[in-house]
Amino acid sequence: MEITEVRVFLKDSPDKKLKAYVTVTFDNAFVVRNIKVIEGSNGLFIAMPSRKIKQPCPKCNFKNEARSKYCNQCGTQLPTTARLAGQEVNAQLEHKDIAHPITQSFREYLQKRVLEAYEQEKAKTPGSLG
């Protein structure tokens, strides 16, 4: 599978970790939108598109976002699953990837191509901060 197009949409806030959104086309036939370029403690990396995990209310079965304290439908207090004595739950546990590479080699290929396109887009944008 080949990457046939990479479109980069830079974010304007230089002080934030999110640097850009990226759309990647594979084999001129399949597109993945909302891949994020993020500045981490060890440099830039990509995060695949994801959605927040929902948990059902035990009373009315309405699906609320994970870590909600009360149901948005009926107001019932929700069970505090995955909360540890005042510690924040890891944000990775609150989101589930919509699409993602299965093999490490393809993940590395995708990240390399996306970060190359990001650097090219950043270089041709006047006044961009690195």
C-alpha atoms as a PDB file:
ATOM      1  CA  MET A   1       0.000   0.000   0.000  1.00  0.00           C
ATOM      2  CA  GLU A   2       1.416   3.345  -1.019  1.00  0.00           C
ATOM      3  CA  ILE A   3       0.702   6.818   0.296  1.00  0.00           C
ATOM      4  CA  THR A   4      -0.298   8.836  -2.757  1.00  0.00           C
ATOM      5  CA  GLU A   5      -1.104  12.183  -1.120  1.00  0.00           C
ATOM      6  CA  VAL A   6      -0.469  13.932   2.197  1.00  0.00           C
ATOM      7  CA  ARG A   7      -2.229  17.225   2.974  1.00  0.00           C
ATOM      8  CA  VAL A   8      -1.113  19.184   6.024  1.00  0.00           C
ATOM      9  CA  PHE A   9      -3.229  21.782   7.817  1.00  0.00           C
ATOM     10  CA  LEU A  10      -1.017  23.729  10.230  1.00  0.00           C
ATOM     11  CA  LYS A  11      -2.425  24.984  13.529  1.00  0.00           C
ATOM     12  CA  ASP A  12      -1.691  28.620  14.397  1.00  0.00           C
ATOM     13  CA  SER A  13      -0.974  28.277  18.109  1.00  0.00           C
ATOM     14  CA  PRO A  14       2.803  27.777  18.502  1.00  0.00           C
ATOM     15  CA  ASP A  15       2.584  27.234  22.288  1.00  0.00           C
ATOM     16  CA  LYS A  16       0.286  24.201  22.020  1.00  0.00           C
ATOM     17  CA  LYS A  17       1.300  20.561  21.539  1.00  0.00           C
ATOM     18  CA  LEU A  18      -1.017  20.027  18.551  1.00  0.00           C
ATOM     19  CA  LYS A  19       0.918  21.269  15.521  1.00  0.00           C
ATOM     20  CA  ALA A  20      -1.223  20.155  12.563  1.00  0.00           C
ATOM     21  CA  TYR A  21      -4.020  18.009  11.217  1.00  0.00           C
ATOM     22  CA  VAL A  22      -3.183  15.759   8.272  1.00  0.00           C
ATOM     23  CA  THR A  23      -5.206  13.977   5.592  1.00  0.00           C
ATOM     24  CA  VAL A  24      -3.535  10.957   3.975  1.00  0.00           C
ATOM     25  CA  THR A  25      -4.661   9.232   0.765  1.00  0.00           C
ATOM     26  CA  PHE A  26      -3.650   5.621   0.090  1.00  0.00           C
ATOM     27  CA  ASP A  27      -3.400   4.191  -3.446  1.00  0.00           C
ATOM     28  CA  ASN A  28      -5.567   7.066  -4.778  1.00  0.00           C
ATOM     29  CA  ALA A  29      -8.487   5.068  -3.342  1.00  0.00           C
ATOM     30  CA  PHE A  30      -8.772   5.467   0.452  1.00  0.00           C
ATOM     31  CA  VAL A  31      -8.456   8.540   2.684  1.00  0.00           C
ATOM     32  CA  VAL A  32      -7.855   8.975   6.415  1.00  0.00           C
ATOM     33  CA  ARG A  33      -8.567  12.421   7.874  1.00  0.00           C
ATOM     34  CA  ASN A  34      -7.705  14.033  11.211  1.00  0.00           C
ATOM     35  CA  ILE A  35      -4.322  12.432  11.817  1.00  0.00           C
ATOM     36  CA  LYS A  36      -2.676  14.761  14.342  1.00  0.00           C
ATOM     37  CA  VAL A  37       0.945  15.936  14.444  1.00  0.00           C
ATOM     38  CA  ILE A  38       1.826  16.390  18.107  1.00  0.00           C
ATOM     39  CA  GLU A  39       4.919  17.788  19.842  1.00  0.00           C
ATOM     40  CA  GLY A  40       5.816  15.301  22.575  1.00  0.00           C
ATOM     41  CA  SER A  41       8.631  15.265  25.104  1.00  0.00           C
ATOM     42  CA  ASN A  42      10.733  13.207  22.643  1.00  0.00           C
ATOM     43  CA  GLY A  43       9.874  15.207  19.517  1.00  0.00           C
ATOM     44  CA  LEU A  44       7.111  15.087  16.926  1.00  0.00           C
ATOM     45  CA  PHE A  45       4.842  12.084  16.485  1.00  0.00           C
ATOM     46  CA  ILE A  46       1.500  11.304  14.863  1.00  0.00           C
ATOM     47  CA  ALA A  47      -1.745  10.353  16.589  1.00  0.00           C
ATOM     48  CA  MET A  48      -4.379   8.521  14.608  1.00  0.00           C
ATOM     49  CA  PRO A  49      -7.992   9.765  14.487  1.00  0.00           C
ATOM     50  CA  SER A  50      -9.941   8.658  17.540  1.00  0.00           C
ATOM     51  CA  ARG A  51     -13.218   9.047  19.363  1.00  0.00           C
ATOM     52  CA  LYS A  52     -14.032   9.335  23.050  1.00  0.00           C
ATOM     53  CA  ILE A  53     -15.126   6.141  24.745  1.00  0.00           C
ATOM     54  CA  LYS A  54     -18.682   6.207  26.107  1.00  0.00           C
ATOM     55  CA  GLN A  55     -20.114   4.388  29.118  1.00  0.00           C
ATOM     56  CA  PRO A  56     -23.819   3.569  29.529  1.00  0.00           C
ATOM     57  CA  CYS A  57     -25.848   4.910  32.463  1.00  0.00           C
ATOM     58  CA  PRO A  58     -26.959   2.012  34.690  1.00  0.00           C
ATOM     59  CA  LYS A  59     -30.420   3.617  35.093  1.00  0.00           C
ATOM     60  CA  CYS A  60     -31.425   4.869  31.598  1.00  0.00           C
ATOM     61  CA  ASN A  61     -28.653   3.328  29.418  1.00  0.00           C
ATOM     62  CA  PHE A  62     -27.724   6.749  27.887  1.00  0.00           C
ATOM     63  CA  LYS A  63     -24.126   6.718  26.629  1.00  0.00           C
ATOM     64  CA  ASN A  64     -22.030   9.309  28.484  1.00  0.00           C
ATOM     65  CA  GLU A  65     -18.367  10.190  27.945  1.00  0.00           C
ATOM     66  CA  ALA A  66     -15.921   8.203  30.044  1.00  0.00           C
ATOM     67  CA  ARG A  67     -15.195   9.808  33.442  1.00  0.00           C
ATOM     68  CA  SER A  68     -18.525  11.667  33.511  1.00  0.00           C
ATOM     69  CA  LYS A  69     -19.803  11.971  37.084  1.00  0.00           C
ATOM     70  CA  TYR A  70     -23.497  12.273  36.227  1.00  0.00           C
ATOM     71  CA  CYS A  71     -25.671  11.039  33.378  1.00  0.00           C
ATOM     72  CA  ASN A  72     -26.459  13.742  30.814  1.00  0.00           C
ATOM     73  CA  GLN A  73     -29.912  12.210  30.244  1.00  0.00           C
ATOM     74  CA  CYS A  74     -31.357  11.416  33.684  1.00  0.00           C
ATOM     75  CA  GLY A  75     -28.871  12.999  36.128  1.00  0.00           C
ATOM     76  CA  THR A  76     -28.057   9.759  37.954  1.00  0.00           C
ATOM     77  CA  GLN A  77     -24.606   9.604  39.522  1.00  0.00           C
ATOM     78  CA  LEU A  78     -22.424   7.293  37.437  1.00  0.00           C
ATOM     79  CA  PRO A  79     -20.094   4.648  38.876  1.00  0.00           C
ATOM     80  CA  THR A  80     -16.491   5.795  39.192  1.00  0.00           C
ATOM     81  CA  THR A  81     -14.847   3.050  37.167  1.00  0.00           C
ATOM     82  CA  ALA A  82     -11.143   3.434  36.384  1.00  0.00           C
ATOM     83  CA  ARG A  83     -10.594   6.248  38.890  1.00  0.00           C
ATOM     84  CA  LEU A  84      -7.748   5.649  41.263  1.00  0.00           C
ATOM     85  CA  ALA A  85      -7.598   7.514  44.587  1.00  0.00           C
ATOM     86  CA  GLY A  86      -7.363  11.024  43.142  1.00  0.00           C
ATOM     87  CA  GLN A  87      -5.145  10.103  40.185  1.00  0.00           C
ATOM     88  CA  GLU A  88      -6.010  11.208  36.684  1.00  0.00           C
ATOM     89  CA  VAL A  89      -6.869   8.432  34.267  1.00  0.00           C
ATOM     90  CA  ASN A  90      -4.502   8.194  31.320  1.00  0.00           C
ATOM     91  CA  ALA A  91      -6.002  10.081  28.328  1.00  0.00           C
ATOM     92  CA  GLN A  92      -5.139   7.119  26.094  1.00  0.00           C
ATOM     93  CA  LEU A  93      -7.698   5.039  27.978  1.00  0.00           C
ATOM     94  CA  GLU A  94     -10.427   7.586  27.192  1.00  0.00           C
ATOM     95  CA  HIS A  95     -10.033   7.409  23.411  1.00  0.00           C
ATOM     96  CA  LYS A  96     -10.210   4.609  20.866  1.00  0.00           C
ATOM     97  CA  ASP A  97      -8.546   4.817  17.445  1.00  0.00           C
ATOM     98  CA  ILE A  98     -10.927   4.871  14.495  1.00  0.00           C
ATOM     99  CA  ALA A  99      -8.189   3.768  12.068  1.00  0.00           C
ATOM    100  CA  HIS A 100      -4.620   2.727  12.752  1.00  0.00           C
ATOM    101  CA  PRO A 101      -1.667   0.838  11.243  1.00  0.00           C
ATOM    102  CA  ILE A 102      -1.469  -2.824  12.203  1.00  0.00           C
ATOM    103  CA  THR A 103       2.263  -3.378  11.727  1.00  0.00           C
ATOM    104  CA  GLN A 104       5.118  -1.426  13.245  1.00  0.00           C
ATOM    105  CA  SER A 105       6.812  -1.102   9.850  1.00  0.00           C
ATOM    106  CA  PHE A 106       3.739   0.522   8.291  1.00  0.00           C
ATOM    107  CA  ARG A 107       3.336   2.826  11.325  1.00  0.00           C
ATOM    108  CA  GLU A 108       6.949   3.965  10.866  1.00  0.00           C
ATOM    109  CA  TYR A 109       6.412   4.484   7.108  1.00  0.00           C
ATOM    110  CA  LEU A 110       3.234   6.494   7.720  1.00  0.00           C
ATOM    111  CA  GLN A 111       4.820   8.625  10.453  1.00  0.00           C
ATOM    112  CA  LYS A 112       7.911   9.301   8.304  1.00  0.00           C
ATOM    113  CA  ARG A 113       5.829  10.450   5.328  1.00  0.00           C
ATOM    114  CA  VAL A 114       3.479  12.574   7.449  1.00  0.00           C
ATOM    115  CA  LEU A 115       6.300  14.283   9.357  1.00  0.00           C
ATOM    116  CA  GLU A 116       8.206  14.960   6.108  1.00  0.00           C
ATOM    117  CA  ALA A 117       5.085  16.602   4.635  1.00  0.00           C
ATOM    118  CA  TYR A 118       4.597  18.566   7.874  1.00  0.00           C
ATOM    119  CA  GLU A 119       8.169  19.913   7.759  1.00  0.00           C
ATOM    120  CA  GLN A 120       7.757  20.885   4.074  1.00  0.00           C
ATOM    121  CA  GLU A 121       4.482  22.690   4.781  1.00  0.00           C
ATOM    122  CA  LYS A 122       5.960  24.466   7.796  1.00  0.00           C
ATOM    123  CA  ALA A 123       8.995  25.580   5.726  1.00  0.00           C
ATOM    124  CA  LYS A 124       6.886  27.191   3.013  1.00  0.00           C
ATOM    125  CA  THR A 125       4.549  28.982   5.441  1.00  0.00           C
ATOM    126  CA  PRO A 126       5.829  32.523   6.126  1.00  0.00           C
ATOM    127  CA  GLY A 127       6.178  33.375   9.789  1.00  0.00           C
ATOM    128  CA  SER A 128       5.693  29.823  11.051  1.00  0.00           C
ATOM    129  CA  LEU A 129       7.329  29.121  14.382  1.00  0.00           C
ATOM    130  CA  GLY A 130       9.156  25.844  14.988  1.00  0.00           C
END
